[in-house]
PDB file of N, CA and C in Angstrom:
ATOM      1  N   MET A   1     -14.504  -3.173   7.057  1.00  0.00           N
ATOM      2  CA  MET A   1     -14.075  -3.047   5.675  1.00  0.00           C
ATOM      3  C   MET A   1     -13.794  -4.458   5.146  1.00  0.00           C
ATOM      4  N   ASP A   2     -14.396  -4.806   4.026  1.00  0.00           N
ATOM      5  CA  ASP A   2     -14.190  -6.104   3.401  1.00  0.00           C
ATOM      6  C   ASP A   2     -12.971  -6.027   2.481  1.00  0.00           C
ATOM      7  N   LEU A   3     -11.930  -6.758   2.814  1.00  0.00           N
ATOM      8  CA  LEU A   3     -10.687  -6.731   2.040  1.00  0.00           C
ATOM      9  C   LEU A   3     -10.552  -7.925   1.099  1.00  0.00           C
ATOM     10  N   SER A   4     -11.598  -8.739   0.993  1.00  0.00           N
ATOM     11  CA  SER A   4     -11.489  -9.963   0.193  1.00  0.00           C
ATOM     12  C   SER A   4     -11.238  -9.683  -1.285  1.00  0.00           C
ATOM     13  N   ASP A   5     -11.637  -8.527  -1.791  1.00  0.00           N
ATOM     14  CA  ASP A   5     -11.407  -8.188  -3.200  1.00  0.00           C
ATOM     15  C   ASP A   5     -10.135  -7.380  -3.432  1.00  0.00           C
ATOM     16  N   ALA A   6      -9.389  -7.129  -2.380  1.00  0.00           N
ATOM     17  CA  ALA A   6      -8.166  -6.326  -2.521  1.00  0.00           C
ATOM     18  C   ALA A   6      -7.140  -7.071  -3.375  1.00  0.00           C
ATOM     19  N   ARG A   7      -6.554  -6.353  -4.316  1.00  0.00           N
ATOM     20  CA  ARG A   7      -5.455  -6.893  -5.137  1.00  0.00           C
ATOM     21  C   ARG A   7      -4.176  -6.217  -4.660  1.00  0.00           C
ATOM     22  N   TRP A   8      -3.392  -6.948  -3.895  1.00  0.00           N
ATOM     23  CA  TRP A   8      -2.181  -6.410  -3.276  1.00  0.00           C
ATOM     24  C   TRP A   8      -1.025  -6.425  -4.249  1.00  0.00           C
ATOM     25  N   ARG A   9      -0.189  -5.393  -4.159  1.00  0.00           N
ATOM     26  CA  ARG A   9       1.060  -5.346  -4.941  1.00  0.00           C
ATOM     27  C   ARG A   9       2.141  -4.746  -4.058  1.00  0.00           C
ATOM     28  N   LYS A  10       3.354  -5.211  -4.274  1.00  0.00           N
ATOM     29  CA  LYS A  10       4.488  -4.685  -3.498  1.00  0.00           C
ATOM     30  C   LYS A  10       4.993  -3.405  -4.128  1.00  0.00           C
ATOM     31  N   SER A  11       5.614  -2.608  -3.315  1.00  0.00           N
ATOM     32  CA  SER A  11       6.242  -1.393  -3.795  1.00  0.00           C
ATOM     33  C   SER A  11       7.285  -1.725  -4.856  1.00  0.00           C
ATOM     34  N   THR A  12       7.394  -0.876  -5.853  1.00  0.00           N
ATOM     35  CA  THR A  12       8.425  -1.082  -6.877  1.00  0.00           C
ATOM     36  C   THR A  12       9.816  -0.882  -6.295  1.00  0.00           C
ATOM     37  N   ARG A  13       9.907  -0.263  -5.129  1.00  0.00           N
ATOM     38  CA  ARG A  13      11.195  -0.044  -4.456  1.00  0.00           C
ATOM     39  C   ARG A  13      11.602  -1.231  -3.588  1.00  0.00           C
ATOM     40  N   SER A  14      10.740  -2.238  -3.472  1.00  0.00           N
ATOM     41  CA  SER A  14      11.058  -3.408  -2.655  1.00  0.00           C
ATOM     42  C   SER A  14      12.104  -4.261  -3.353  1.00  0.00           C
ATOM     43  N   GLY A  15      13.021  -4.783  -2.585  1.00  0.00           N
ATOM     44  CA  GLY A  15      14.047  -5.646  -3.149  1.00  0.00           C
ATOM     45  C   GLY A  15      13.514  -7.035  -3.465  1.00  0.00           C
ATOM     46  N   PRO A  16      14.226  -7.797  -4.280  1.00  0.00           N
ATOM     47  CA  PRO A  16      13.760  -9.129  -4.673  1.00  0.00           C
ATOM     48  C   PRO A  16      13.827 -10.156  -3.542  1.00  0.00           C
ATOM     49  N   ASP A  17      14.581  -9.876  -2.475  1.00  0.00           N
ATOM     50  CA  ASP A  17      14.765 -10.851  -1.402  1.00  0.00           C
ATOM     51  C   ASP A  17      13.856 -10.593  -0.198  1.00  0.00           C
ATOM     52  N   GLY A  18      12.795  -9.858  -0.388  1.00  0.00           N
ATOM     53  CA  GLY A  18      11.865  -9.592   0.718  1.00  0.00           C
ATOM     54  C   GLY A  18      12.312  -8.414   1.541  1.00  0.00           C
ATOM     55  N   GLY A  19      12.458  -8.627   2.832  1.00  0.00           N
ATOM     56  CA  GLY A  19      12.892  -7.535   3.697  1.00  0.00           C
ATOM     57  C   GLY A  19      11.732  -6.667   4.121  1.00  0.00           C
ATOM     58  N   ASN A  20      12.012  -5.392   4.315  1.00  0.00           N
ATOM     59  CA  ASN A  20      10.999  -4.446   4.780  1.00  0.00           C
ATOM     60  C   ASN A  20      10.189  -3.934   3.602  1.00  0.00           C
ATOM     61  N   CYS A  21       9.054  -4.556   3.366  1.00  0.00           N
ATOM     62  CA  CYS A  21       8.228  -4.192   2.214  1.00  0.00           C
ATOM     63  C   CYS A  21       6.833  -3.783   2.662  1.00  0.00           C
ATOM     64  N   VAL A  22       6.243  -2.930   1.882  1.00  0.00           N
ATOM     65  CA  VAL A  22       4.832  -2.624   2.067  1.00  0.00           C
ATOM     66  C   VAL A  22       4.090  -3.100   0.832  1.00  0.00           C
ATOM     67  N   GLU A  23       2.836  -3.430   1.031  1.00  0.00           N
ATOM     68  CA  GLU A  23       1.963  -3.791  -0.076  1.00  0.00           C
ATOM     69  C   GLU A  23       0.804  -2.807  -0.087  1.00  0.00           C
ATOM     70  N   VAL A  24       0.346  -2.492  -1.280  1.00  0.00           N
ATOM     71  CA  VAL A  24      -0.718  -1.520  -1.468  1.00  0.00           C
ATOM     72  C   VAL A  24      -1.821  -2.163  -2.303  1.00  0.00           C
ATOM     73  N   ALA A  25      -3.044  -1.890  -1.933  1.00  0.00           N
ATOM     74  CA  ALA A  25      -4.200  -2.271  -2.747  1.00  0.00           C
ATOM     75  C   ALA A  25      -4.970  -0.994  -3.044  1.00  0.00           C
ATOM     76  N   ASP A  26      -5.028  -0.642  -4.333  1.00  0.00           N
ATOM     77  CA  ASP A  26      -5.726   0.585  -4.719  1.00  0.00           C
ATOM     78  C   ASP A  26      -6.878   0.308  -5.674  1.00  0.00           C
ATOM     79  N   ASN A  27      -7.356  -0.918  -5.679  1.00  0.00           N
ATOM     80  CA  ASN A  27      -8.449  -1.281  -6.579  1.00  0.00           C
ATOM     81  C   ASN A  27      -9.821  -1.207  -5.915  1.00  0.00           C
ATOM     82  N   LEU A  28      -9.883  -0.889  -4.633  1.00  0.00           N
ATOM     83  CA  LEU A  28     -11.165  -0.811  -3.940  1.00  0.00           C
ATOM     84  C   LEU A  28     -11.754   0.593  -4.086  1.00  0.00           C
ATOM     85  N   SER A  29     -13.031   0.679  -4.108  1.00  0.00           N
ATOM     86  CA  SER A  29     -13.697   1.957  -4.320  1.00  0.00           C
ATOM     87  C   SER A  29     -13.535   2.891  -3.119  1.00  0.00           C
ATOM     88  N   GLY A  30     -12.943   4.068  -3.356  1.00  0.00           N
ATOM     89  CA  GLY A  30     -12.880   5.111  -2.352  1.00  0.00           C
ATOM     90  C   GLY A  30     -11.841   4.960  -1.267  1.00  0.00           C
ATOM     91  N   VAL A  31     -10.943   3.980  -1.384  1.00  0.00           N
ATOM     92  CA  VAL A  31      -9.943   3.780  -0.338  1.00  0.00           C
ATOM     93  C   VAL A  31      -8.691   3.122  -0.930  1.00  0.00           C
ATOM     94  N   VAL A  32      -7.549   3.485  -0.385  1.00  0.00           N
ATOM     95  CA  VAL A  32      -6.278   2.819  -0.681  1.00  0.00           C
ATOM     96  C   VAL A  32      -5.818   2.223   0.637  1.00  0.00           C
ATOM     97  N   ILE A  33      -5.475   0.930   0.616  1.00  0.00           N
ATOM     98  CA  ILE A  33      -5.043   0.282   1.846  1.00  0.00           C
ATOM     99  C   ILE A  33      -3.598  -0.182   1.721  1.00  0.00           C
ATOM    100  N   VAL A  34      -2.904  -0.143   2.850  1.00  0.00           N
ATOM    101  CA  VAL A  34      -1.480  -0.457   2.906  1.00  0.00           C
ATOM    102  C   VAL A  34      -1.263  -1.437   4.056  1.00  0.00           C
ATOM    103  N   ARG A  35      -0.377  -2.422   3.823  1.00  0.00           N
ATOM    104  CA  ARG A  35      -0.063  -3.380   4.884  1.00  0.00           C
ATOM    105  C   ARG A  35       1.406  -3.759   4.825  1.00  0.00           C
ATOM    106  N   ASP A  36       1.873  -4.367   5.885  1.00  0.00           N
ATOM    107  CA  ASP A  36       3.228  -4.908   5.980  1.00  0.00           C
ATOM    108  C   ASP A  36       3.236  -6.259   5.278  1.00  0.00           C
ATOM    109  N   SER A  37       4.092  -6.438   4.287  1.00  0.00           N
ATOM    110  CA  SER A  37       4.100  -7.690   3.528  1.00  0.00           C
ATOM    111  C   SER A  37       4.485  -8.893   4.382  1.00  0.00           C
ATOM    112  N   LYS A  38       5.190  -8.661   5.481  1.00  0.00           N
ATOM    113  CA  LYS A  38       5.585  -9.765   6.357  1.00  0.00           C
ATOM    114  C   LYS A  38       4.441 -10.202   7.272  1.00  0.00           C
ATOM    115  N   ASP A  39       3.377  -9.425   7.328  1.00  0.00           N
ATOM    116  CA  ASP A  39       2.241  -9.730   8.205  1.00  0.00           C
ATOM    117  C   ASP A  39       0.937  -9.504   7.441  1.00  0.00           C
ATOM    118  N   PRO A  40       0.673 -10.317   6.405  1.00  0.00           N
ATOM    119  CA  PRO A  40      -0.497 -10.061   5.555  1.00  0.00           C
ATOM    120  C   PRO A  40      -1.842 -10.164   6.265  1.00  0.00           C
ATOM    121  N   SER A  41      -1.908 -10.843   7.391  1.00  0.00           N
ATOM    122  CA  SER A  41      -3.182 -10.914   8.108  1.00  0.00           C
ATOM    123  C   SER A  41      -3.248  -9.875   9.227  1.00  0.00           C
ATOM    124  N   GLY A  42      -2.230  -9.043   9.323  1.00  0.00           N
ATOM    125  CA  GLY A  42      -2.172  -8.016  10.354  1.00  0.00           C
ATOM    126  C   GLY A  42      -2.974  -6.784   9.985  1.00  0.00           C
ATOM    127  N   PRO A  43      -2.755  -5.714  10.710  1.00  0.00           N
ATOM    128  CA  PRO A  43      -3.533  -4.486  10.492  1.00  0.00           C
ATOM    129  C   PRO A  43      -3.193  -3.822   9.158  1.00  0.00           C
ATOM    130  N   VAL A  44      -4.120  -3.016   8.692  1.00  0.00           N
ATOM    131  CA  VAL A  44      -3.918  -2.232   7.469  1.00  0.00           C
ATOM    132  C   VAL A  44      -4.130  -0.758   7.806  1.00  0.00           C
ATOM    133  N   LEU A  45      -3.521   0.083   7.004  1.00  0.00           N
ATOM    134  CA  LEU A  45      -3.784   1.521   7.064  1.00  0.00           C
ATOM    135  C   LEU A  45      -4.674   1.867   5.877  1.00  0.00           C
ATOM    136  N   ALA A  46      -5.680   2.672   6.098  1.00  0.00           N
ATOM    137  CA  ALA A  46      -6.605   3.055   5.032  1.00  0.00           C
ATOM    138  C   ALA A  46      -6.469   4.553   4.769  1.00  0.00           C
ATOM    139  N   PHE A  47      -6.384   4.903   3.500  1.00  0.00           N
ATOM    140  CA  PHE A  47      -6.206   6.291   3.085  1.00  0.00           C
ATOM    141  C   PHE A  47      -7.263   6.683   2.065  1.00  0.00           C
ATOM    142  N   ASP A  48      -7.668   7.928   2.121  1.00  0.00           N
ATOM    143  CA  ASP A  48      -8.455   8.514   1.055  1.00  0.00           C
ATOM    144  C   ASP A  48      -7.563   8.525  -0.192  1.00  0.00           C
ATOM    145  N   PRO A  49      -8.081   8.175  -1.375  1.00  0.00           N
ATOM    146  CA  PRO A  49      -7.236   8.129  -2.575  1.00  0.00           C
ATOM    147  C   PRO A  49      -6.493   9.434  -2.871  1.00  0.00           C
ATOM    148  N   TYR A  50      -7.110  10.565  -2.594  1.00  0.00           N
ATOM    149  CA  TYR A  50      -6.443  11.850  -2.847  1.00  0.00           C
ATOM    150  C   TYR A  50      -5.268  12.047  -1.886  1.00  0.00           C
ATOM    151  N   ALA A  51      -5.468  11.678  -0.632  1.00  0.00           N
ATOM    152  CA  ALA A  51      -4.391  11.783   0.353  1.00  0.00           C
ATOM    153  C   ALA A  51      -3.243  10.838  -0.004  1.00  0.00           C
ATOM    154  N   TRP A  52      -3.570   9.646  -0.473  1.00  0.00           N
ATOM    155  CA  TRP A  52      -2.530   8.689  -0.864  1.00  0.00           C
ATOM    156  C   TRP A  52      -1.710   9.227  -2.039  1.00  0.00           C
ATOM    157  N   ARG A  53      -2.385   9.780  -3.036  1.00  0.00           N
ATOM    158  CA  ARG A  53      -1.656  10.338  -4.191  1.00  0.00           C
ATOM    159  C   ARG A  53      -0.750  11.484  -3.760  1.00  0.00           C
ATOM    160  N   ALA A  54      -1.212  12.315  -2.855  1.00  0.00           N
ATOM    161  CA  ALA A  54      -0.389  13.421  -2.362  1.00  0.00           C
ATOM    162  C   ALA A  54       0.829  12.881  -1.608  1.00  0.00           C
ATOM    163  N   PHE A  55       0.634  11.850  -0.808  1.00  0.00           N
ATOM    164  CA  PHE A  55       1.745  11.228  -0.079  1.00  0.00           C
ATOM    165  C   PHE A  55       2.783  10.661  -1.056  1.00  0.00           C
ATOM    166  N   VAL A  56       2.332   9.896  -2.029  1.00  0.00           N
ATOM    167  CA  VAL A  56       3.242   9.299  -3.009  1.00  0.00           C
ATOM    168  C   VAL A  56       3.979  10.389  -3.795  1.00  0.00           C
ATOM    169  N   ALA A  57       3.264  11.426  -4.198  1.00  0.00           N
ATOM    170  CA  ALA A  57       3.905  12.515  -4.933  1.00  0.00           C
ATOM    171  C   ALA A  57       4.971  13.183  -4.074  1.00  0.00           C
ATOM    172  N   GLY A  58       4.685  13.371  -2.809  1.00  0.00           N
ATOM    173  CA  GLY A  58       5.662  13.982  -1.907  1.00  0.00           C
ATOM    174  C   GLY A  58       6.889  13.096  -1.727  1.00  0.00           C
ATOM    175  N   MET A  59       6.699  11.807  -1.637  1.00  0.00           N
ATOM    176  CA  MET A  59       7.823  10.886  -1.479  1.00  0.00           C
ATOM    177  C   MET A  59       8.641  10.791  -2.760  1.00  0.00           C
ATOM    178  N   THR A  60       7.984  10.887  -3.905  1.00  0.00           N
ATOM    179  CA  THR A  60       8.676  10.817  -5.191  1.00  0.00           C
ATOM    180  C   THR A  60       9.613  12.008  -5.350  1.00  0.00           C
ATOM    181  N   ARG A  61       9.189  13.165  -4.885  1.00  0.00           N
ATOM    182  CA  ARG A  61      10.032  14.368  -4.984  1.00  0.00           C
ATOM    183  C   ARG A  61      11.257  14.254  -4.085  1.00  0.00           C
ATOM    184  N   ARG A  62      11.178  13.477  -3.006  1.00  0.00           N
ATOM    185  CA  ARG A  62      12.279  13.337  -2.063  1.00  0.00           C
ATOM    186  C   ARG A  62      13.353  12.353  -2.537  1.00  0.00           C
ATOM    187  N   SER A  63      12.989  11.420  -3.392  1.00  0.00           N
ATOM    188  CA  SER A  63      13.953  10.388  -3.774  1.00  0.00           C
ATOM    189  C   SER A  63      14.807  10.757  -4.946  1.00  0.00           C
TER     190      SER A  63
END
């Protein structure tokens, strides 16, 4: 998977001082990728866009 065009953004729930943050790139065709902001060259998780939306919706209902 070529990630060179990924536009990463931090979670809106991330604090201003860093800490435990995730970054998401949802601008690639057919996939949403997630990584640990403290390890940007580390592994990524890849999700089908529909599965990602369902996950986010489920988490939104919990908060």
